């Protein structure tokens, strides 16, 4: 997903640490900033002994040209995911370097059904 806006998140104690990332090559992505924001939704975010979930509202994450994400007019964008069994070196730091993922995939979303 070179050049695309990515979201990295991981558990740290009783909290989830997150950041926006962007890869300039096929290497671990660096933290990036912009006009986009991520607002956690507490009722959809949890950590327990076996799993964790991070639910958030992403504001200004879509760009009209579709150059860093999919375009708002796309009807079935394809999103990707990646996971690593290795924790970031500085778990409390949202800008911590992250390692290469050990699994990945992608999936399509039917946005026509999500529009109101």
N, C-alpha and C. Protein backbone atom coordinates (compact mmCIF):
# COMPACT_ATOMS: atom_id res chain seq x y z
N UNK A 1 0.84 -1.18 0.00
CA UNK A 1 0.00 0.00 0.00
C UNK A 1 0.89 1.25 0.00
N UNK A 2 1.85 1.26 -0.86
CA UNK A 2 2.77 2.39 -0.97
C UNK A 2 2.00 3.65 -1.35
N UNK A 3 2.24 4.73 -0.61
CA UNK A 3 1.62 6.02 -0.90
C UNK A 3 0.21 6.19 -0.38
N UNK A 4 -0.36 5.17 0.21
CA UNK A 4 -1.73 5.25 0.73
C UNK A 4 -1.71 5.59 2.21
N UNK A 5 -2.79 6.22 2.68
CA UNK A 5 -2.93 6.54 4.09
C UNK A 5 -3.24 5.25 4.85
N UNK A 6 -2.44 4.95 5.86
CA UNK A 6 -2.59 3.74 6.66
C UNK A 6 -2.88 4.12 8.10
N UNK A 7 -3.49 3.21 8.83
CA UNK A 7 -3.71 3.39 10.26
C UNK A 7 -3.03 2.23 10.97
N UNK A 8 -2.17 2.57 11.91
CA UNK A 8 -1.51 1.56 12.74
C UNK A 8 -2.08 1.66 14.14
N UNK A 9 -2.33 0.53 14.76
CA UNK A 9 -2.86 0.51 16.13
C UNK A 9 -2.36 -0.74 16.83
N UNK A 10 -2.16 -0.63 18.15
CA UNK A 10 -1.72 -1.78 18.94
C UNK A 10 -2.11 -1.55 20.39
N UNK A 11 -2.28 -2.64 21.14
CA UNK A 11 -2.62 -2.49 22.56
C UNK A 11 -1.38 -2.15 23.39
N UNK A 12 -1.59 -1.32 24.40
CA UNK A 12 -0.53 -0.98 25.34
C UNK A 12 -1.16 -0.87 26.72
N UNK A 13 -1.03 -1.91 27.51
CA UNK A 13 -1.70 -1.93 28.81
C UNK A 13 -3.21 -1.95 28.62
N UNK A 14 -3.90 -0.97 29.17
CA UNK A 14 -5.36 -0.88 29.04
C UNK A 14 -5.80 0.10 27.97
N UNK A 15 -4.88 0.54 27.12
CA UNK A 15 -5.20 1.53 26.09
C UNK A 15 -4.74 1.03 24.72
N UNK A 16 -5.32 1.63 23.69
CA UNK A 16 -4.88 1.36 22.33
C UNK A 16 -4.12 2.58 21.84
N UNK A 17 -2.94 2.36 21.30
CA UNK A 17 -2.11 3.42 20.73
C UNK A 17 -2.32 3.37 19.22
N UNK A 18 -2.49 4.53 18.60
CA UNK A 18 -2.75 4.55 17.16
C UNK A 18 -2.04 5.72 16.50
N UNK A 19 -1.84 5.60 15.20
CA UNK A 19 -1.26 6.69 14.42
C UNK A 19 -1.56 6.47 12.94
N UNK A 20 -1.48 7.56 12.20
CA UNK A 20 -1.55 7.49 10.75
C UNK A 20 -0.15 7.22 10.24
N UNK A 21 -0.06 6.40 9.20
CA UNK A 21 1.23 6.05 8.60
C UNK A 21 1.14 6.16 7.08
N UNK A 22 2.29 6.32 6.45
CA UNK A 22 2.36 6.28 5.00
C UNK A 22 3.70 5.69 4.61
N UNK A 23 3.67 4.71 3.71
CA UNK A 23 4.90 4.06 3.25
C UNK A 23 5.33 4.68 1.93
N UNK A 24 6.60 5.01 1.83
CA UNK A 24 7.13 5.56 0.58
C UNK A 24 7.75 4.45 -0.28
N UNK A 25 7.91 3.26 0.31
CA UNK A 25 8.43 2.10 -0.41
C UNK A 25 7.93 0.86 0.33
N UNK A 26 8.35 -0.30 -0.14
CA UNK A 26 7.95 -1.53 0.53
C UNK A 26 8.82 -1.74 1.76
N UNK A 27 8.58 -0.91 2.75
CA UNK A 27 9.29 -0.95 4.03
C UNK A 27 8.32 -0.48 5.10
N UNK A 28 8.63 -0.68 6.37
CA UNK A 28 7.70 -0.24 7.42
C UNK A 28 7.36 1.25 7.27
N UNK A 29 6.08 1.58 7.36
CA UNK A 29 5.65 2.96 7.13
C UNK A 29 5.97 3.88 8.30
N UNK A 30 6.34 5.10 7.96
CA UNK A 30 6.60 6.12 8.98
C UNK A 30 5.30 6.82 9.35
N UNK A 31 5.27 7.42 10.53
CA UNK A 31 4.10 8.19 10.94
C UNK A 31 3.96 9.39 9.99
N UNK A 32 2.72 9.77 9.72
CA UNK A 32 2.46 10.92 8.86
C UNK A 32 1.39 11.79 9.51
N UNK A 33 1.35 13.04 9.11
CA UNK A 33 0.35 13.97 9.62
C UNK A 33 -0.34 14.65 8.46
N UNK A 34 -1.47 15.25 8.74
CA UNK A 34 -2.23 15.95 7.73
C UNK A 34 -3.47 16.54 8.36
N UNK A 35 -4.47 16.83 7.55
CA UNK A 35 -5.72 17.40 8.06
C UNK A 35 -6.64 16.32 8.62
N UNK A 36 -6.32 15.06 8.39
CA UNK A 36 -7.14 13.94 8.86
C UNK A 36 -6.97 13.74 10.37
N UNK A 37 -8.03 13.23 11.00
CA UNK A 37 -8.00 12.96 12.44
C UNK A 37 -8.68 11.63 12.72
N UNK A 38 -8.31 11.04 13.85
CA UNK A 38 -8.87 9.77 14.29
C UNK A 38 -9.43 9.99 15.70
N UNK A 39 -10.74 9.72 15.88
CA UNK A 39 -11.38 9.89 17.18
C UNK A 39 -11.84 8.52 17.67
N UNK A 40 -11.23 7.99 18.72
CA UNK A 40 -11.65 6.68 19.25
C UNK A 40 -13.10 6.71 19.73
N UNK A 41 -13.79 5.60 19.55
CA UNK A 41 -15.15 5.42 20.05
C UNK A 41 -15.03 4.46 21.24
N UNK A 42 -15.10 4.99 22.47
CA UNK A 42 -14.84 4.17 23.66
C UNK A 42 -15.71 2.91 23.76
N UNK A 43 -16.99 3.00 23.38
CA UNK A 43 -17.86 1.83 23.52
C UNK A 43 -17.50 0.71 22.55
N UNK A 44 -16.68 0.99 21.56
CA UNK A 44 -16.28 -0.03 20.60
C UNK A 44 -14.81 -0.38 20.69
N UNK A 45 -14.16 0.07 21.76
CA UNK A 45 -12.73 -0.18 21.93
C UNK A 45 -12.51 -0.92 23.24
N UNK A 46 -11.80 -2.05 23.19
CA UNK A 46 -11.53 -2.80 24.41
C UNK A 46 -10.25 -3.61 24.27
N UNK A 47 -9.72 -4.01 25.41
CA UNK A 47 -8.57 -4.90 25.47
C UNK A 47 -8.86 -5.92 26.57
N UNK A 48 -8.67 -7.20 26.25
CA UNK A 48 -8.78 -8.22 27.29
C UNK A 48 -7.61 -9.19 27.15
N UNK A 49 -7.66 -10.29 27.83
CA UNK A 49 -6.51 -11.22 27.84
C UNK A 49 -6.31 -11.96 26.52
N UNK A 50 -7.31 -11.98 25.65
CA UNK A 50 -7.19 -12.75 24.40
C UNK A 50 -7.29 -11.92 23.13
N UNK A 51 -7.81 -10.70 23.22
CA UNK A 51 -7.99 -9.91 21.99
C UNK A 51 -8.14 -8.43 22.32
N UNK A 52 -8.22 -7.66 21.28
CA UNK A 52 -8.45 -6.23 21.43
C UNK A 52 -9.17 -5.71 20.19
N UNK A 53 -9.89 -4.62 20.35
CA UNK A 53 -10.63 -3.99 19.25
C UNK A 53 -10.46 -2.49 19.36
N UNK A 54 -10.24 -1.84 18.24
CA UNK A 54 -10.12 -0.39 18.19
C UNK A 54 -11.14 0.13 17.19
N UNK A 55 -12.13 0.86 17.67
CA UNK A 55 -13.16 1.45 16.82
C UNK A 55 -12.97 2.95 16.86
N UNK A 56 -13.03 3.59 15.70
CA UNK A 56 -12.75 5.02 15.65
C UNK A 56 -13.51 5.67 14.50
N UNK A 57 -13.63 6.98 14.59
CA UNK A 57 -14.18 7.80 13.51
C UNK A 57 -13.00 8.47 12.83
N UNK A 58 -12.90 8.32 11.54
CA UNK A 58 -11.82 8.92 10.78
C UNK A 58 -12.39 10.12 10.03
N UNK A 59 -11.93 11.31 10.38
CA UNK A 59 -12.41 12.54 9.74
C UNK A 59 -11.39 13.04 8.73
N UNK A 60 -11.89 13.46 7.58
CA UNK A 60 -11.06 13.98 6.49
C UNK A 60 -10.05 12.94 6.01
N UNK A 61 -10.41 11.67 6.10
CA UNK A 61 -9.51 10.60 5.68
C UNK A 61 -9.64 10.27 4.19
N UNK A 62 -10.74 10.65 3.57
CA UNK A 62 -10.92 10.41 2.14
C UNK A 62 -10.48 11.63 1.37
N UNK A 63 -9.74 11.42 0.30
CA UNK A 63 -9.39 12.56 -0.53
C UNK A 63 -10.12 12.43 -1.86
N UNK A 64 -10.56 13.55 -2.38
CA UNK A 64 -11.44 13.54 -3.55
C UNK A 64 -10.79 12.92 -4.78
N UNK A 65 -9.48 12.96 -4.87
CA UNK A 65 -8.80 12.39 -6.03
C UNK A 65 -8.55 10.89 -5.87
N UNK A 66 -8.69 10.39 -4.66
CA UNK A 66 -8.42 8.98 -4.42
C UNK A 66 -6.94 8.64 -4.44
N UNK A 67 -6.09 9.65 -4.22
CA UNK A 67 -4.65 9.39 -4.30
C UNK A 67 -4.06 8.81 -3.01
N UNK A 68 -4.62 9.15 -1.86
CA UNK A 68 -4.09 8.58 -0.61
C UNK A 68 -5.05 7.58 0.01
N UNK A 69 -6.29 7.60 -0.41
CA UNK A 69 -7.30 6.65 0.04
C UNK A 69 -8.18 6.37 -1.16
N UNK A 70 -9.33 5.81 -0.94
CA UNK A 70 -10.28 5.70 -2.04
C UNK A 70 -11.04 7.02 -2.13
N UNK A 71 -11.61 7.30 -3.29
CA UNK A 71 -12.37 8.54 -3.49
C UNK A 71 -13.76 8.40 -2.88
N UNK A 72 -14.34 9.50 -2.39
CA UNK A 72 -15.68 9.44 -1.80
C UNK A 72 -16.74 8.90 -2.77
N UNK A 73 -16.51 9.03 -4.06
CA UNK A 73 -17.48 8.54 -5.05
C UNK A 73 -17.33 7.05 -5.37
N UNK A 74 -16.27 6.40 -4.88
CA UNK A 74 -16.09 4.97 -5.14
C UNK A 74 -17.24 4.17 -4.54
N UNK A 75 -17.70 3.17 -5.26
CA UNK A 75 -18.81 2.36 -4.77
C UNK A 75 -18.35 1.07 -4.10
N UNK A 76 -17.22 0.52 -4.53
CA UNK A 76 -16.71 -0.72 -3.93
C UNK A 76 -15.19 -0.63 -3.79
N UNK A 77 -14.70 0.19 -2.88
CA UNK A 77 -13.25 0.29 -2.71
C UNK A 77 -12.68 -0.98 -2.08
N UNK A 78 -11.42 -1.23 -2.37
CA UNK A 78 -10.71 -2.36 -1.77
C UNK A 78 -9.78 -1.80 -0.70
N UNK A 79 -9.92 -2.32 0.50
CA UNK A 79 -9.07 -1.92 1.62
C UNK A 79 -8.13 -3.06 1.96
N UNK A 80 -7.03 -2.73 2.57
CA UNK A 80 -6.07 -3.75 2.98
C UNK A 80 -5.89 -3.76 4.47
N UNK A 81 -5.40 -4.87 4.97
CA UNK A 81 -5.08 -5.00 6.39
C UNK A 81 -3.75 -5.73 6.51
N UNK A 82 -3.09 -5.51 7.61
CA UNK A 82 -1.84 -6.22 7.88
C UNK A 82 -1.70 -6.37 9.39
N UNK A 83 -1.04 -7.42 9.81
CA UNK A 83 -0.84 -7.68 11.24
C UNK A 83 0.56 -8.23 11.47
N UNK A 84 1.06 -7.97 12.65
CA UNK A 84 2.37 -8.47 13.04
C UNK A 84 2.27 -9.08 14.43
N UNK A 85 2.97 -10.16 14.64
CA UNK A 85 3.01 -10.77 15.97
C UNK A 85 4.01 -10.04 16.87
N UNK A 86 4.83 -9.18 16.28
CA UNK A 86 5.84 -8.44 17.05
C UNK A 86 5.31 -7.06 17.42
N UNK A 87 5.46 -6.71 18.69
CA UNK A 87 5.02 -5.39 19.16
C UNK A 87 6.00 -4.31 18.71
N UNK A 88 5.53 -3.08 18.59
CA UNK A 88 6.46 -1.97 18.30
C UNK A 88 7.51 -1.86 19.41
N UNK A 89 8.65 -1.31 19.08
CA UNK A 89 9.74 -1.24 20.06
C UNK A 89 9.41 -0.33 21.24
N UNK A 90 8.62 0.71 21.02
CA UNK A 90 8.22 1.63 22.09
C UNK A 90 6.70 1.66 22.11
N UNK A 91 6.08 0.71 22.80
CA UNK A 91 4.63 0.52 22.73
C UNK A 91 3.81 1.74 23.13
N UNK A 92 4.31 2.59 24.01
CA UNK A 92 3.54 3.76 24.45
C UNK A 92 3.63 4.93 23.48
N UNK A 93 4.54 4.85 22.51
CA UNK A 93 4.79 5.95 21.58
C UNK A 93 4.08 5.72 20.25
N UNK A 94 3.13 6.59 19.91
CA UNK A 94 2.38 6.43 18.66
C UNK A 94 3.26 6.52 17.43
N UNK A 95 4.44 7.13 17.55
CA UNK A 95 5.36 7.25 16.41
C UNK A 95 6.41 6.15 16.39
N UNK A 96 6.30 5.18 17.29
CA UNK A 96 7.28 4.10 17.38
C UNK A 96 7.44 3.39 16.04
N UNK A 97 8.66 3.05 15.66
CA UNK A 97 8.84 2.25 14.45
C UNK A 97 8.11 0.91 14.58
N UNK A 98 7.53 0.47 13.50
CA UNK A 98 6.86 -0.83 13.49
C UNK A 98 7.58 -1.74 12.50
N UNK A 99 7.54 -3.02 12.78
CA UNK A 99 8.22 -3.99 11.93
C UNK A 99 7.36 -4.44 10.76
N UNK A 100 7.92 -5.30 9.96
CA UNK A 100 7.20 -5.86 8.81
C UNK A 100 6.07 -6.75 9.30
N UNK A 101 4.96 -6.69 8.61
CA UNK A 101 3.81 -7.51 8.98
C UNK A 101 4.08 -8.98 8.64
N UNK A 102 3.41 -9.86 9.40
CA UNK A 102 3.56 -11.30 9.18
C UNK A 102 2.35 -11.89 8.46
N UNK A 103 1.29 -11.12 8.35
CA UNK A 103 0.12 -11.55 7.57
C UNK A 103 -0.56 -10.31 7.02
N UNK A 104 -1.26 -10.49 5.90
CA UNK A 104 -1.94 -9.37 5.26
C UNK A 104 -3.01 -9.88 4.32
N UNK A 105 -3.87 -8.97 3.91
CA UNK A 105 -4.92 -9.32 2.97
C UNK A 105 -5.66 -8.07 2.55
N UNK A 106 -6.68 -8.25 1.74
CA UNK A 106 -7.52 -7.12 1.37
C UNK A 106 -8.96 -7.58 1.20
N UNK A 107 -9.85 -6.61 1.19
CA UNK A 107 -11.28 -6.90 1.11
C UNK A 107 -11.99 -5.71 0.49
N UNK A 108 -13.11 -5.98 -0.15
CA UNK A 108 -13.92 -4.92 -0.76
C UNK A 108 -15.09 -4.58 0.15
N UNK A 109 -15.49 -3.31 0.12
CA UNK A 109 -16.62 -2.84 0.91
C UNK A 109 -17.67 -2.28 -0.05
N UNK A 110 -18.93 -2.69 0.14
CA UNK A 110 -20.03 -2.17 -0.67
C UNK A 110 -20.53 -0.88 -0.02
N UNK A 111 -20.03 0.26 -0.50
CA UNK A 111 -20.41 1.54 0.10
C UNK A 111 -21.78 2.02 -0.34
N UNK A 112 -22.32 1.46 -1.40
CA UNK A 112 -23.66 1.85 -1.84
C UNK A 112 -24.66 1.57 -0.72
N UNK A 113 -24.51 0.44 -0.05
CA UNK A 113 -25.42 0.06 1.03
C UNK A 113 -25.18 0.89 2.30
N UNK A 114 -24.04 1.54 2.40
CA UNK A 114 -23.72 2.30 3.61
C UNK A 114 -24.12 3.77 3.50
N UNK A 115 -24.48 4.21 2.31
CA UNK A 115 -24.81 5.63 2.13
C UNK A 115 -26.20 5.94 2.63
N UNK A 116 -26.36 7.16 3.14
CA UNK A 116 -27.69 7.58 3.58
C UNK A 116 -28.11 8.85 2.87
